Amino acid sequence: MKRRVILLTLTVLFASATVCLAQSPHMGTWKLNEAKSKIPAGATKNQTVVYEAAGDSIKVTVDGVDGAGNPIHSEWTGKFDGKFYALTGDPTSDTRSYRKINSRTLALTGKQGTKITVSGRIVVSANGRSRTVTNTVTDAKGKRTVIRAVYDKQ
């Protein structure tokens, strides 16, 4: 009997976490709308971004091209709790944090070692059909570039 109650409780908790993540307006596949974006020449273009549940965490997968047109692919798995989690495939950052500001807005920070290299904000529109990502990227020489990318939900 005790085992059944524990198993049922764990099942309900896992299902609740999955439902909460699925209801987040950030979840899903987002495609870059270049016509609405302001991306400086030579900057990275994240063409497709996917947010999906990964257990009790979120996995963010990014595919795009770097400033020279070469394909890029990065992955991050963590929580929207402001803590830094490992990031793979991004030449500018090896860790990233997402912090929930409200139900439609996230703050993000990327670090290379201990140095902040990316900071920005992600805002999903009220109708949930688009999102705007505004990032400030600092290169190794200290030059800052502001990128404003608009994505459409797929």
Protein backbone atom coordinates (compact mmCIF):
# COMPACT_ATOMS: atom_id res chain seq x y z
CA MET A 1 0.00 0.00 0.00
CA LYS A 2 2.79 2.39 0.96
CA ARG A 3 4.65 1.65 -2.26
CA ARG A 4 1.53 2.37 -4.33
CA VAL A 5 1.00 5.77 -2.62
CA ILE A 6 4.64 6.76 -3.21
CA LEU A 7 4.50 5.69 -6.85
CA LEU A 8 1.23 7.54 -7.41
CA THR A 9 2.63 10.68 -5.75
CA LEU A 10 5.78 10.62 -7.91
CA THR A 11 3.69 10.10 -11.05
CA VAL A 12 1.46 13.07 -10.21
CA LEU A 13 4.45 15.32 -9.46
CA PHE A 14 6.19 14.40 -12.73
CA ALA A 15 2.99 14.91 -14.73
CA SER A 16 2.40 18.28 -13.04
CA ALA A 17 5.93 19.45 -13.87
CA THR A 18 5.50 18.37 -17.49
CA VAL A 19 2.15 20.19 -17.79
CA CYS A 20 3.61 23.38 -16.26
CA LEU A 21 6.53 23.34 -18.70
CA ALA A 22 4.26 22.63 -21.66
CA GLN A 23 2.05 25.60 -20.75
CA SER A 24 4.97 28.04 -20.76
CA PRO A 25 4.68 30.38 -23.77
CA HIS A 26 8.42 29.91 -24.37
CA MET A 27 8.07 26.19 -25.13
CA GLY A 28 8.02 25.00 -28.72
CA THR A 29 9.87 25.61 -31.97
CA TRP A 30 10.72 29.16 -33.06
CA LYS A 31 11.96 30.18 -36.52
CA LEU A 32 13.90 33.40 -37.18
CA ASN A 33 11.97 36.09 -39.08
CA GLU A 34 14.87 37.94 -40.73
CA ALA A 35 12.61 40.63 -42.20
CA LYS A 36 11.58 41.79 -38.71
CA SER A 37 15.01 41.29 -37.11
CA LYS A 38 17.97 43.66 -36.79
CA ILE A 39 21.07 41.52 -36.97
CA PRO A 40 24.33 43.32 -37.81
CA ALA A 41 26.47 41.97 -40.65
CA GLY A 42 28.86 39.31 -39.42
CA ALA A 43 26.74 38.41 -36.38
CA THR A 44 25.49 34.91 -35.60
CA LYS A 45 21.96 34.10 -36.80
CA ASN A 46 20.08 31.59 -34.67
CA GLN A 47 17.66 30.38 -37.32
CA THR A 48 15.75 27.81 -35.27
CA VAL A 49 15.37 27.64 -31.49
CA VAL A 50 13.55 24.78 -29.74
CA TYR A 51 12.45 24.82 -26.08
CA GLU A 52 11.32 21.42 -24.80
CA ALA A 53 10.79 19.62 -21.51
CA ALA A 54 13.68 17.43 -20.35
CA GLY A 55 12.43 15.78 -17.16
CA ASP A 56 12.01 18.59 -14.66
CA SER A 57 14.31 20.86 -16.71
CA ILE A 58 14.14 22.65 -20.04
CA LYS A 59 16.32 21.86 -23.04
CA VAL A 60 17.10 24.67 -25.48
CA THR A 61 18.51 23.65 -28.87
CA VAL A 62 19.75 26.29 -31.31
CA ASP A 63 20.63 25.82 -34.97
CA GLY A 64 21.86 28.60 -37.21
CA VAL A 65 24.92 30.09 -38.90
CA ASP A 66 27.88 32.04 -37.58
CA GLY A 67 29.07 35.35 -39.03
CA ALA A 68 30.93 33.53 -41.82
CA GLY A 69 27.90 31.45 -42.80
CA ASN A 70 29.13 28.21 -41.19
CA PRO A 71 26.50 26.04 -39.47
CA ILE A 72 26.28 26.18 -35.67
CA HIS A 73 24.46 24.00 -33.17
CA SER A 74 24.25 24.55 -29.41
CA GLU A 75 22.41 22.89 -26.55
CA TRP A 76 21.57 23.98 -23.00
CA THR A 77 19.63 22.08 -20.37
CA GLY A 78 18.65 23.68 -17.09
CA LYS A 79 15.94 25.63 -15.32
CA PHE A 80 14.70 29.19 -15.58
CA ASP A 81 16.04 29.88 -12.08
CA GLY A 82 18.93 32.27 -12.71
CA LYS A 83 21.59 29.62 -12.06
CA PHE A 84 24.28 28.89 -14.65
CA TYR A 85 24.14 25.56 -16.47
CA ALA A 86 26.54 24.11 -19.04
CA LEU A 87 26.16 25.17 -22.66
CA THR A 88 27.70 23.20 -25.52
CA GLY A 89 28.41 24.35 -29.08
CA ASP A 90 28.45 28.11 -28.45
CA PRO A 91 31.87 29.69 -29.07
CA THR A 92 30.99 32.80 -27.00
CA SER A 93 29.77 31.08 -23.82
CA ASP A 94 30.27 27.84 -21.93
CA THR A 95 27.49 28.43 -19.39
CA ARG A 96 24.14 30.20 -19.56
CA SER A 97 21.41 31.20 -17.14
CA TYR A 98 17.78 32.01 -17.78
CA ARG A 99 15.77 33.89 -15.18
CA LYS A 100 12.00 34.18 -15.37
CA ILE A 101 10.90 37.82 -15.07
CA ASN A 102 7.22 37.10 -15.71
CA SER A 103 5.22 34.48 -17.62
CA ARG A 104 6.27 35.89 -21.02
CA THR A 105 9.72 37.35 -20.27
CA LEU A 106 13.09 35.77 -19.56
CA ALA A 107 16.45 37.38 -18.81
CA LEU A 108 19.47 35.50 -20.10
CA THR A 109 23.17 35.72 -19.32
CA GLY A 110 26.02 33.81 -20.95
CA LYS A 111 29.51 33.40 -19.54
CA GLN A 112 32.84 32.25 -20.90
CA GLY A 113 34.62 31.16 -17.75
CA THR A 114 33.78 33.94 -15.28
CA LYS A 115 33.37 36.69 -17.88
CA ILE A 116 29.86 37.71 -18.99
CA THR A 117 29.78 37.60 -22.80
CA VAL A 118 26.05 37.75 -23.53
CA SER A 119 23.17 39.42 -21.77
CA GLY A 120 19.65 39.86 -23.00
CA ARG A 121 15.93 39.56 -22.73
CA ILE A 122 13.42 37.24 -24.40
CA VAL A 123 9.80 38.39 -24.66
CA VAL A 124 6.96 36.28 -26.05
CA SER A 125 4.11 38.33 -27.53
CA ALA A 126 0.73 38.40 -25.79
CA ASN A 127 -0.79 36.16 -28.48
CA GLY A 128 2.13 33.69 -28.18
CA ARG A 129 2.88 33.69 -31.91
CA SER A 130 6.19 35.56 -31.85
CA ARG A 131 9.11 36.25 -29.57
CA THR A 132 11.72 38.98 -29.57
CA VAL A 133 15.23 38.32 -28.34
CA THR A 134 17.41 41.36 -27.64
CA ASN A 135 21.01 40.44 -26.83
CA THR A 136 24.16 42.38 -26.19
CA VAL A 137 27.17 40.27 -27.16
CA THR A 138 30.69 41.23 -26.05
CA ASP A 139 33.56 39.74 -28.06
CA ALA A 140 37.05 38.88 -26.79
CA LYS A 141 38.25 42.42 -27.64
CA GLY A 142 35.47 44.05 -25.61
CA LYS A 143 33.43 45.17 -28.63
CA ARG A 144 29.68 45.09 -27.95
CA THR A 145 27.09 44.20 -30.55
CA VAL A 146 23.33 44.48 -30.05
CA ILE A 147 21.21 41.89 -31.84
CA ARG A 148 17.41 42.06 -32.05
CA ALA A 149 15.99 38.83 -33.41
CA VAL A 150 12.28 38.18 -33.96
CA TYR A 151 11.01 34.61 -34.14
CA ASP A 152 7.71 33.12 -35.29
CA LYS A 153 6.22 30.11 -33.50
CA GLN A 154 6.06 27.02 -35.68
